[in-house]
Amino acid sequence: MQVFHKLEDVPAGFGPTVLSVGNFDGVHRAHSRVLAEIVGRAREQGLKAIAVSFEPHPLRILRPDAAFKLLTPSSEKLRLLETTQVDAVLLLPFTRDLSLMTPQRFAHDVLKKGLQAREVHEGYNFRFGHKAAGDVTLLRELGHKLGFDVHIYPELRLRGEPVSSSHIRKLIAAGKVSLARHLLGRPFAILSTAGRGRGYGVKYTVPTINLSRYEELIPKDGVYVTRTRVGDECFDSVTNVGTRPTFGAESFAVETHLLNFHPVALTPETEVEVHFLHRLRDEIKFPSVDALREQIAKDVKKARRYFHLHARFTA
């Protein structure tokens, strides 16, 4: 998959294209539905399939005080987009100039002239251009004038829930990771490294890992059943997200206890990826460290049962 970081990077002979424009945060099931279609349509016609996105996310420019958090940082979004088999991704720099571009100019300069669009595929609520003035009705009109077809997709709902990035963010912020997993088509995950001060050696011999500071979306404080990848190895795990109030001075951490642990190679650069499967409980302050240990033992028991049942029903 090719990645272009501005429109001028797209080679003159790259198109014609079948494309979709969107933020693609999370690359969830509704995104996958559209991207599978553009890939199929492009293959049928001997064209190129390209996903057009923005860097940074427009809300970080338009609403800088909103403390907006992403489901998937840019590097992870690109990895997920590559799995859809699109030929390329164009990450348009979301600058003030781009934000002021009219829908008509965006359709002409980017879609038609820059990408030689033959087909444009979008969700029913797609908006584009300055102040989101363009909608799918206008996009169809512009496509008719400029010579590209427009395909619009209705809202996708699963278990009565809308499959949208904004809704999935709300679910994760509320700790509803099981439902978010269904809408994403995979578990919600955060990718980081192990926190500092853990006594790195040739082998890492402690079954608990604190993640380094993570700047994007994290589930609501609480205790979760998780799967944790440490480098190339995966472990069943229990993860606490929160401030660890039982220990007095509160400090936020994502702390993961690895089940069936064995020593692993670990450096400050080793990737640690936590996949959130199921919420067990809220984080609470216990009267003593011993009481906390007793609760952790109960959490581990519940997690082991979760994995046992999962293995039984997926065998």
Foldseek 3Di string as FASTA:
>chain_A
DAEAAALVRQDPPQFDAEEEEDQCFLVWPVVLVQLLVRVVVCVVVVTAYEYEHEPPHVCCVVPVPPLAFTLDPPVRSVVVSVVSVGPYYYHHYDDPVQLQFAPLCCCPVPVCNRRVYQEYEEEQADFGHHVSPDGVVVVCVSCVVRHHHYHYDYFDDDPNHTLDRVSLLVCQQAVVQQVSCVRRVHFRKDKAAFDPPQPADQWRAAQKTWGDDDSHRHGHFAKFFKWKDWANDIFGWIWGFFQQPQVPHTDTITMIGGPPDDIDGGDRPTMMMIGGNGTDTHDDHDPHVVVVVVVVVVVVVVSVVVVVVVVVVVD
